[in-house]
Amino acid sequence: MRMEWPSIFQGDNLYMPETYPPDFHPVHFVIAEGETLLSYGEILRLTIDHNGSRYQVYGFGNMLTFPPFRRQGWGGQVLKAATQFIQHSDVDIAALFCDSGLEPFYAKQGWVVTRSPTRLGRSDQFEDYLPLRMMLFISEKGRLNRAEFETQPMYIEWPW
């Protein structure tokens, strides 16, 4: 992660040993050959309030494959394992943020684009977060309220 997103590791976070506090119950998905990390992804559990309802969420992030191992299917295997884990969980929804060019990669595992804005902060004070938001709708509650996520802004404290 230090190589992929060096901007995270600045100031007080320069020597940060973990990307998320244990309170988020991170689950790591790893493909390695011996001691060599090939590909990695992580989910964390949190709650968000959206349009008057509270949702249990798995946020998928930190997806990476080291450059020498790209385009060999490792990232797809990590994504598939994480997606299956999420689909068999008790969360309402899952969300990830990515560049638009990665939409087909995530869509292969059932992730769908939600075009409503993502905003960092609260409804009275926010900044727009521009990366593409893709989601899974897991529970009955999540599936029934999918249209709200597709039409109403989603407010989050920070992007995972």
N, C-alpha and C. Protein backbone atom coordinates (compact mmCIF):
# COMPACT_ATOMS: atom_id res chain seq x y z
N MET A 1 0.82 -1.18 0.00
CA MET A 1 0.00 0.00 0.00
C MET A 1 0.87 1.25 0.00
N ARG A 2 2.00 1.18 0.65
CA ARG A 2 2.89 2.34 0.65
C ARG A 2 3.34 2.68 -0.77
N MET A 3 3.45 1.67 -1.63
CA MET A 3 3.86 1.91 -3.01
C MET A 3 2.68 2.39 -3.86
N GLU A 4 1.51 1.86 -3.64
CA GLU A 4 0.34 2.20 -4.45
C GLU A 4 -0.25 3.56 -4.09
N TRP A 5 -0.34 3.84 -2.80
CA TRP A 5 -0.97 5.07 -2.32
C TRP A 5 -0.08 5.78 -1.31
N PRO A 6 1.07 6.29 -1.73
CA PRO A 6 1.99 6.91 -0.77
C PRO A 6 1.40 8.12 -0.06
N SER A 7 0.38 8.75 -0.64
CA SER A 7 -0.20 9.94 0.00
C SER A 7 -0.87 9.62 1.33
N ILE A 8 -1.25 8.35 1.55
CA ILE A 8 -1.86 7.96 2.83
C ILE A 8 -0.83 8.03 3.95
N PHE A 9 0.41 7.73 3.62
CA PHE A 9 1.46 7.57 4.62
C PHE A 9 2.27 8.86 4.74
N GLN A 10 1.65 9.88 5.29
CA GLN A 10 2.26 11.19 5.48
C GLN A 10 2.13 11.60 6.94
N GLY A 11 2.97 12.50 7.38
CA GLY A 11 2.86 13.07 8.72
C GLY A 11 2.79 12.01 9.81
N ASP A 12 1.75 12.08 10.64
CA ASP A 12 1.58 11.12 11.74
C ASP A 12 1.35 9.70 11.25
N ASN A 13 0.95 9.54 9.99
CA ASN A 13 0.68 8.20 9.43
C ASN A 13 1.87 7.60 8.71
N LEU A 14 3.03 8.25 8.76
CA LEU A 14 4.19 7.78 8.02
C LEU A 14 4.54 6.33 8.33
N TYR A 15 4.48 5.95 9.59
CA TYR A 15 4.84 4.59 9.99
C TYR A 15 3.64 3.78 10.45
N MET A 16 2.49 4.16 9.97
CA MET A 16 1.24 3.49 10.35
C MET A 16 1.33 1.99 10.03
N PRO A 17 1.17 1.13 11.06
CA PRO A 17 1.29 -0.31 10.82
C PRO A 17 0.03 -0.96 10.25
N GLU A 18 -1.14 -0.36 10.48
CA GLU A 18 -2.39 -0.93 10.00
C GLU A 18 -3.17 0.16 9.29
N THR A 19 -3.91 -0.23 8.27
CA THR A 19 -4.66 0.76 7.52
C THR A 19 -5.98 1.12 8.19
N TYR A 20 -6.56 0.20 8.93
CA TYR A 20 -7.82 0.46 9.61
C TYR A 20 -7.74 -0.01 11.05
N PRO A 21 -8.34 0.74 11.96
CA PRO A 21 -8.36 0.30 13.36
C PRO A 21 -9.13 -1.01 13.52
N PRO A 22 -8.80 -1.80 14.53
CA PRO A 22 -9.48 -3.08 14.76
C PRO A 22 -10.99 -2.93 14.94
N ASP A 23 -11.46 -1.76 15.36
CA ASP A 23 -12.90 -1.54 15.54
C ASP A 23 -13.70 -1.77 14.26
N PHE A 24 -13.04 -1.68 13.11
CA PHE A 24 -13.72 -1.89 11.83
C PHE A 24 -13.70 -3.36 11.40
N HIS A 25 -13.17 -4.22 12.24
CA HIS A 25 -13.13 -5.66 11.98
C HIS A 25 -12.65 -5.98 10.56
N PRO A 26 -11.46 -5.50 10.20
CA PRO A 26 -10.98 -5.74 8.85
C PRO A 26 -10.80 -7.23 8.56
N VAL A 27 -11.13 -7.60 7.33
CA VAL A 27 -10.91 -8.95 6.83
C VAL A 27 -9.99 -8.81 5.63
N HIS A 28 -8.89 -9.55 5.63
CA HIS A 28 -7.86 -9.44 4.59
C HIS A 28 -7.99 -10.61 3.62
N PHE A 29 -7.84 -10.32 2.35
CA PHE A 29 -7.85 -11.33 1.30
C PHE A 29 -6.50 -11.25 0.60
N VAL A 30 -5.77 -12.36 0.63
CA VAL A 30 -4.37 -12.35 0.22
C VAL A 30 -4.10 -13.51 -0.72
N ILE A 31 -3.34 -13.22 -1.77
CA ILE A 31 -2.74 -14.27 -2.57
C ILE A 31 -1.25 -14.05 -2.51
N ALA A 32 -0.54 -15.09 -2.07
CA ALA A 32 0.90 -15.01 -1.92
C ALA A 32 1.53 -16.28 -2.46
N GLU A 33 2.75 -16.15 -2.87
CA GLU A 33 3.58 -17.29 -3.24
C GLU A 33 4.74 -17.29 -2.25
N GLY A 34 4.66 -18.19 -1.29
CA GLY A 34 5.65 -18.18 -0.22
C GLY A 34 5.53 -16.88 0.56
N GLU A 35 6.61 -16.14 0.67
CA GLU A 35 6.63 -14.86 1.38
C GLU A 35 6.33 -13.67 0.47
N THR A 36 6.04 -13.94 -0.80
CA THR A 36 5.83 -12.86 -1.77
C THR A 36 4.34 -12.57 -1.93
N LEU A 37 3.95 -11.35 -1.61
CA LEU A 37 2.57 -10.93 -1.78
C LEU A 37 2.33 -10.63 -3.25
N LEU A 38 1.31 -11.28 -3.82
CA LEU A 38 0.96 -11.06 -5.22
C LEU A 38 -0.19 -10.07 -5.34
N SER A 39 -1.26 -10.32 -4.57
CA SER A 39 -2.45 -9.48 -4.67
C SER A 39 -3.15 -9.43 -3.31
N TYR A 40 -3.89 -8.33 -3.10
CA TYR A 40 -4.44 -8.08 -1.78
C TYR A 40 -5.71 -7.23 -1.90
N GLY A 41 -6.64 -7.45 -1.00
CA GLY A 41 -7.81 -6.61 -0.84
C GLY A 41 -8.28 -6.71 0.60
N GLU A 42 -9.09 -5.76 1.03
CA GLU A 42 -9.52 -5.72 2.42
C GLU A 42 -10.95 -5.21 2.50
N ILE A 43 -11.71 -5.78 3.41
CA ILE A 43 -13.03 -5.23 3.70
C ILE A 43 -13.07 -4.80 5.15
N LEU A 44 -13.90 -3.82 5.42
CA LEU A 44 -14.10 -3.38 6.79
C LEU A 44 -15.58 -3.19 7.02
N ARG A 45 -15.97 -3.34 8.24
CA ARG A 45 -17.38 -3.27 8.60
C ARG A 45 -17.68 -1.95 9.29
N LEU A 46 -18.72 -1.28 8.84
CA LEU A 46 -19.12 -0.02 9.43
C LEU A 46 -20.62 0.17 9.24
N THR A 47 -21.14 1.22 9.83
CA THR A 47 -22.54 1.56 9.62
C THR A 47 -22.59 2.94 9.00
N ILE A 48 -23.60 3.15 8.15
CA ILE A 48 -23.84 4.48 7.60
C ILE A 48 -25.33 4.77 7.72
N ASP A 49 -25.63 6.03 7.82
CA ASP A 49 -27.01 6.50 7.76
C ASP A 49 -27.24 7.02 6.36
N HIS A 50 -28.33 6.59 5.75
CA HIS A 50 -28.64 7.02 4.39
C HIS A 50 -30.14 7.24 4.26
N ASN A 51 -30.50 8.46 3.93
CA ASN A 51 -31.90 8.79 3.66
C ASN A 51 -32.83 8.35 4.80
N GLY A 52 -32.38 8.53 6.04
CA GLY A 52 -33.21 8.25 7.21
C GLY A 52 -33.13 6.83 7.73
N SER A 53 -32.32 5.97 7.14
CA SER A 53 -32.16 4.59 7.61
C SER A 53 -30.70 4.30 7.90
N ARG A 54 -30.48 3.38 8.80
CA ARG A 54 -29.12 2.96 9.14
C ARG A 54 -28.84 1.61 8.47
N TYR A 55 -27.64 1.50 7.89
CA TYR A 55 -27.26 0.30 7.15
C TYR A 55 -25.95 -0.26 7.67
N GLN A 56 -25.88 -1.59 7.73
CA GLN A 56 -24.64 -2.29 8.00
C GLN A 56 -23.93 -2.45 6.65
N VAL A 57 -22.66 -2.08 6.63
CA VAL A 57 -21.93 -1.99 5.36
C VAL A 57 -20.60 -2.73 5.46
N TYR A 58 -20.25 -3.39 4.37
CA TYR A 58 -18.86 -3.80 4.16
C TYR A 58 -18.28 -2.88 3.12
N GLY A 59 -17.20 -2.21 3.46
CA GLY A 59 -16.48 -1.38 2.51
C GLY A 59 -15.30 -2.17 1.98
N PHE A 60 -15.21 -2.29 0.68
CA PHE A 60 -14.10 -3.02 0.05
C PHE A 60 -13.07 -2.00 -0.41
N GLY A 61 -11.82 -2.24 -0.09
CA GLY A 61 -10.79 -1.30 -0.50
C GLY A 61 -9.41 -1.89 -0.46
N ASN A 62 -8.46 -1.03 -0.73
CA ASN A 62 -7.04 -1.38 -0.72
C ASN A 62 -6.71 -2.51 -1.70
N MET A 63 -7.50 -2.64 -2.75
CA MET A 63 -7.25 -3.68 -3.75
C MET A 63 -5.98 -3.33 -4.53
N LEU A 64 -5.06 -4.27 -4.55
CA LEU A 64 -3.83 -4.05 -5.31
C LEU A 64 -3.24 -5.37 -5.75
N THR A 65 -2.54 -5.32 -6.85
CA THR A 65 -1.70 -6.42 -7.31
C THR A 65 -0.35 -5.80 -7.66
N PHE A 66 0.71 -6.39 -7.16
CA PHE A 66 2.03 -5.86 -7.45
C PHE A 66 2.29 -5.91 -8.95
N PRO A 67 2.94 -4.89 -9.50
CA PRO A 67 3.10 -4.77 -10.95
C PRO A 67 3.61 -6.01 -11.68
N PRO A 68 4.60 -6.75 -11.17
CA PRO A 68 5.05 -7.91 -11.95
C PRO A 68 4.01 -9.02 -12.08
N PHE A 69 2.95 -8.95 -11.26
CA PHE A 69 1.95 -10.03 -11.25
C PHE A 69 0.61 -9.61 -11.83
N ARG A 70 0.54 -8.40 -12.39
CA ARG A 70 -0.73 -7.91 -12.95
C ARG A 70 -1.07 -8.64 -14.24
N ARG A 71 -2.37 -8.65 -14.52
CA ARG A 71 -2.94 -9.25 -15.74
C ARG A 71 -2.73 -10.77 -15.80
N GLN A 72 -2.66 -11.38 -14.62
CA GLN A 72 -2.55 -12.83 -14.53
C GLN A 72 -3.72 -13.44 -13.76
N GLY A 73 -4.71 -12.60 -13.41
CA GLY A 73 -5.90 -13.10 -12.74
C GLY A 73 -5.88 -13.07 -11.23
N TRP A 74 -4.77 -12.63 -10.63
CA TRP A 74 -4.69 -12.64 -9.17
C TRP A 74 -5.69 -11.68 -8.54
N GLY A 75 -5.78 -10.48 -9.07
CA GLY A 75 -6.73 -9.51 -8.53
C GLY A 75 -8.16 -10.00 -8.65
N GLY A 76 -8.48 -10.64 -9.77
CA GLY A 76 -9.83 -11.19 -9.94
C GLY A 76 -10.14 -12.25 -8.90
N GLN A 77 -9.15 -13.05 -8.53
CA GLN A 77 -9.36 -14.07 -7.51
C GLN A 77 -9.60 -13.43 -6.14
N VAL A 78 -8.86 -12.37 -5.83
CA VAL A 78 -9.06 -11.67 -4.56
C VAL A 78 -10.46 -11.06 -4.53
N LEU A 79 -10.83 -10.39 -5.62
CA LEU A 79 -12.16 -9.77 -5.69
C LEU A 79 -13.26 -10.81 -5.57
N LYS A 80 -13.12 -11.93 -6.23
CA LYS A 80 -14.14 -12.98 -6.16
C LYS A 80 -14.29 -13.50 -4.73
N ALA A 81 -13.17 -13.74 -4.06
CA ALA A 81 -13.23 -14.25 -2.68
C ALA A 81 -13.88 -13.22 -1.76
N ALA A 82 -13.51 -11.95 -1.89
CA ALA A 82 -14.10 -10.92 -1.05
C ALA A 82 -15.59 -10.76 -1.32
N THR A 83 -15.96 -10.79 -2.60
CA THR A 83 -17.37 -10.64 -2.97
C THR A 83 -18.20 -11.80 -2.42
N GLN A 84 -17.69 -13.02 -2.53
CA GLN A 84 -18.42 -14.17 -1.98
C GLN A 84 -18.55 -14.06 -0.46
N PHE A 85 -17.51 -13.62 0.20
CA PHE A 85 -17.56 -13.43 1.65
C PHE A 85 -18.66 -12.43 2.00
N ILE A 86 -18.70 -11.32 1.29
CA ILE A 86 -19.71 -10.29 1.53
C ILE A 86 -21.12 -10.83 1.26
N GLN A 87 -21.29 -11.55 0.16
CA GLN A 87 -22.61 -12.07 -0.21
C GLN A 87 -23.16 -13.06 0.80
N HIS A 88 -22.29 -13.70 1.56
CA HIS A 88 -22.72 -14.66 2.56
C HIS A 88 -22.71 -14.07 3.97
N SER A 89 -22.62 -12.76 4.06
CA SER A 89 -22.58 -12.09 5.36
C SER A 89 -23.96 -11.54 5.72
N ASP A 90 -24.03 -10.87 6.85
CA ASP A 90 -25.30 -10.31 7.31
C ASP A 90 -25.37 -8.79 7.12
N VAL A 91 -24.51 -8.21 6.27
CA VAL A 91 -24.59 -6.77 6.02
C VAL A 91 -25.75 -6.47 5.08
N ASP A 92 -26.12 -5.19 5.03
CA ASP A 92 -27.18 -4.76 4.12
C ASP A 92 -26.64 -4.45 2.73
N ILE A 93 -25.50 -3.78 2.70
CA ILE A 93 -24.91 -3.36 1.44
C ILE A 93 -23.39 -3.45 1.52
N ALA A 94 -22.75 -3.33 0.37
CA ALA A 94 -21.30 -3.20 0.31
C ALA A 94 -21.01 -2.10 -0.71
N ALA A 95 -19.89 -1.42 -0.50
CA ALA A 95 -19.52 -0.34 -1.41
C ALA A 95 -18.01 -0.31 -1.60
N LEU A 96 -17.62 0.13 -2.78
CA LEU A 96 -16.22 0.37 -3.08
C LEU A 96 -16.14 1.62 -3.94
N PHE A 97 -14.95 2.18 -4.02
CA PHE A 97 -14.71 3.37 -4.82
C PHE A 97 -13.53 3.08 -5.74
N CYS A 98 -13.67 3.48 -7.02
CA CYS A 98 -12.62 3.16 -7.98
C CYS A 98 -12.62 4.17 -9.13
N ASP A 99 -11.60 4.09 -9.96
CA ASP A 99 -11.58 4.86 -11.20
C ASP A 99 -12.57 4.24 -12.17
N SER A 100 -13.16 5.04 -13.03
CA SER A 100 -14.19 4.53 -13.94
C SER A 100 -13.67 3.43 -14.86
N GLY A 101 -12.39 3.45 -15.18
CA GLY A 101 -11.83 2.40 -16.03
C GLY A 101 -11.85 1.02 -15.42
N LEU A 102 -12.06 0.94 -14.11
CA LEU A 102 -12.10 -0.36 -13.42
C LEU A 102 -13.52 -0.91 -13.30
N GLU A 103 -14.50 -0.17 -13.79
CA GLU A 103 -15.88 -0.64 -13.70
C GLU A 103 -16.07 -2.05 -14.25
N PRO A 104 -15.57 -2.38 -15.45
CA PRO A 104 -15.78 -3.75 -15.95
C PRO A 104 -15.16 -4.83 -15.06
N PHE A 105 -14.03 -4.54 -14.45
CA PHE A 105 -13.36 -5.49 -13.57
C PHE A 105 -14.28 -5.85 -12.39
N TYR A 106 -14.83 -4.85 -11.73
CA TYR A 106 -15.69 -5.09 -10.58
C TYR A 106 -17.07 -5.61 -10.99
N ALA A 107 -17.56 -5.17 -12.13
CA ALA A 107 -18.88 -5.61 -12.60
C ALA A 107 -18.91 -7.11 -12.87
N LYS A 108 -17.79 -7.71 -13.22
CA LYS A 108 -17.74 -9.17 -13.46
C LYS A 108 -18.17 -9.96 -12.24
N GLN A 109 -18.02 -9.37 -11.05
CA GLN A 109 -18.42 -10.06 -9.81
C GLN A 109 -19.75 -9.53 -9.27
N GLY A 110 -20.47 -8.76 -10.08
CA GLY A 110 -21.81 -8.34 -9.69
C GLY A 110 -21.91 -6.95 -9.07
N TRP A 111 -20.81 -6.25 -8.93
CA TRP A 111 -20.84 -4.90 -8.39
C TRP A 111 -21.49 -3.98 -9.43
N VAL A 112 -22.36 -3.09 -8.97
CA VAL A 112 -23.08 -2.18 -9.87
C VAL A 112 -22.74 -0.73 -9.53
N VAL A 113 -22.70 0.08 -10.57
CA VAL A 113 -22.44 1.51 -10.41
C VAL A 113 -23.68 2.19 -9.84
N THR A 114 -23.47 3.05 -8.88
CA THR A 114 -24.54 3.91 -8.38
C THR A 114 -24.10 5.34 -8.70
N ARG A 115 -24.91 6.03 -9.47
CA ARG A 115 -24.51 7.33 -10.03
C ARG A 115 -24.81 8.53 -9.14
N SER A 116 -25.50 8.34 -8.02
CA SER A 116 -25.74 9.50 -7.14
C SER A 116 -24.40 9.93 -6.53
N PRO A 117 -24.30 11.18 -6.13
CA PRO A 117 -23.03 11.67 -5.59
C PRO A 117 -22.63 10.98 -4.29
N THR A 118 -21.33 10.84 -4.11
CA THR A 118 -20.76 10.45 -2.83
C THR A 118 -20.19 11.71 -2.22
N ARG A 119 -20.52 11.95 -0.98
CA ARG A 119 -20.08 13.18 -0.32
C ARG A 119 -19.38 12.85 0.99
N LEU A 120 -18.24 13.48 1.20
CA LEU A 120 -17.49 13.33 2.43
C LEU A 120 -17.96 14.39 3.40
N GLY A 121 -18.50 13.96 4.54
CA GLY A 121 -19.00 14.88 5.54
C GLY A 121 -20.47 14.67 5.80
N ARG A 122 -21.14 15.74 6.16
CA ARG A 122 -22.58 15.70 6.49
C ARG A 122 -23.34 16.52 5.46
N SER A 123 -24.65 16.42 5.48
CA SER A 123 -25.46 17.12 4.49
C SER A 123 -25.32 18.64 4.57
N ASP A 124 -24.93 19.15 5.75
CA ASP A 124 -24.78 20.60 5.89
C ASP A 124 -23.35 21.08 5.65
N GLN A 125 -22.40 20.14 5.54
CA GLN A 125 -21.01 20.50 5.29
C GLN A 125 -20.30 19.29 4.68
N PHE A 126 -19.99 19.37 3.40
CA PHE A 126 -19.40 18.22 2.70
C PHE A 126 -18.55 18.69 1.53
N GLU A 127 -17.78 17.74 1.02
CA GLU A 127 -17.11 17.92 -0.26
C GLU A 127 -17.42 16.69 -1.10
N ASP A 128 -17.59 16.89 -2.38
CA ASP A 128 -17.89 15.77 -3.26
C ASP A 128 -16.66 14.88 -3.40
N TYR A 129 -16.91 13.58 -3.41
CA TYR A 129 -15.86 12.59 -3.61
C TYR A 129 -16.09 11.99 -5.00
N LEU A 130 -15.16 12.19 -5.90
CA LEU A 130 -15.41 11.94 -7.32
C LEU A 130 -15.20 10.51 -7.83
N PRO A 131 -14.42 9.65 -7.18
CA PRO A 131 -14.30 8.30 -7.73
C PRO A 131 -15.66 7.62 -7.89
N LEU A 132 -15.72 6.70 -8.83
CA LEU A 132 -16.93 5.93 -9.09
C LEU A 132 -17.28 5.10 -7.87
N ARG A 133 -18.57 5.07 -7.51
CA ARG A 133 -19.03 4.23 -6.40
C ARG A 133 -19.74 3.02 -7.00
N MET A 134 -19.32 1.85 -6.57
CA MET A 134 -19.97 0.60 -6.98
C MET A 134 -20.46 -0.09 -5.72
N MET A 135 -21.59 -0.80 -5.85
CA MET A 135 -22.21 -1.38 -4.66
C MET A 135 -22.75 -2.78 -4.93
N LEU A 136 -22.95 -3.49 -3.84
CA LEU A 136 -23.70 -4.74 -3.80
C LEU A 136 -24.85 -4.52 -2.83
N PHE A 137 -25.99 -5.09 -3.12
CA PHE A 137 -27.17 -4.97 -2.25
C PHE A 137 -27.46 -6.37 -1.73
N ILE A 138 -27.17 -6.59 -0.46
CA ILE A 138 -27.11 -7.93 0.10
C ILE A 138 -28.40 -8.34 0.80
N SER A 139 -28.79 -7.62 1.83
CA SER A 139 -29.97 -8.00 2.61
C SER A 139 -31.24 -7.57 1.90
N GLU A 140 -32.36 -8.04 2.40
CA GLU A 140 -33.64 -7.61 1.85
C GLU A 140 -33.78 -6.09 1.98
N LYS A 141 -33.39 -5.56 3.13
CA LYS A 141 -33.44 -4.11 3.34
C LYS A 141 -32.59 -3.39 2.28
N GLY A 142 -31.39 -3.88 2.05
CA GLY A 142 -30.51 -3.28 1.05
C GLY A 142 -31.11 -3.33 -0.34
N ARG A 143 -31.64 -4.50 -0.70
CA ARG A 143 -32.23 -4.65 -2.04
C ARG A 143 -33.46 -3.77 -2.21
N LEU A 144 -34.31 -3.69 -1.18
CA LEU A 144 -35.52 -2.88 -1.27
C LEU A 144 -35.22 -1.38 -1.40
N ASN A 145 -34.09 -0.95 -0.85
CA ASN A 145 -33.76 0.47 -0.86
C ASN A 145 -32.67 0.83 -1.88
N ARG A 146 -32.41 -0.05 -2.81
CA ARG A 146 -31.39 0.19 -3.83
C ARG A 146 -31.63 1.51 -4.56
N ALA A 147 -32.86 1.80 -4.93
CA ALA A 147 -33.16 3.02 -5.69
C ALA A 147 -32.73 4.27 -4.93
N GLU A 148 -32.81 4.24 -3.61
CA GLU A 148 -32.38 5.40 -2.83
C GLU A 148 -30.88 5.64 -2.96
N PHE A 149 -30.10 4.57 -3.02
CA PHE A 149 -28.65 4.72 -3.20
C PHE A 149 -28.32 5.16 -4.62
N GLU A 150 -29.20 4.84 -5.56
CA GLU A 150 -28.96 5.24 -6.95
C GLU A 150 -29.40 6.66 -7.24
N THR A 151 -30.25 7.24 -6.37
CA THR A 151 -30.77 8.58 -6.65
C THR A 151 -30.41 9.63 -5.59
N GLN A 152 -30.13 9.22 -4.37
CA GLN A 152 -29.85 10.16 -3.28
C GLN A 152 -28.35 10.17 -2.96
N PRO A 153 -27.79 11.33 -2.64
CA PRO A 153 -26.37 11.37 -2.27
C PRO A 153 -26.07 10.45 -1.09
N MET A 154 -24.90 9.85 -1.12
CA MET A 154 -24.45 9.00 -0.01
C MET A 154 -23.37 9.78 0.74
N TYR A 155 -23.58 9.98 2.03
CA TYR A 155 -22.64 10.71 2.88
C TYR A 155 -21.81 9.72 3.68
N ILE A 156 -20.51 9.89 3.61
CA ILE A 156 -19.59 9.05 4.37
C ILE A 156 -18.58 9.97 5.06
N GLU A 157 -17.99 9.48 6.15
CA GLU A 157 -16.99 10.29 6.86
C GLU A 157 -15.67 10.31 6.12
N TRP A 158 -15.30 9.18 5.52
CA TRP A 158 -14.03 9.07 4.83
C TRP A 158 -14.11 7.92 3.83
N PRO A 159 -13.38 7.99 2.75
CA PRO A 159 -13.40 6.90 1.77
C PRO A 159 -12.49 5.76 2.19
N TRP A 160 -12.97 4.60 2.09
CA TRP A 160 -12.16 3.44 2.44
C TRP A 160 -11.51 2.92 1.19
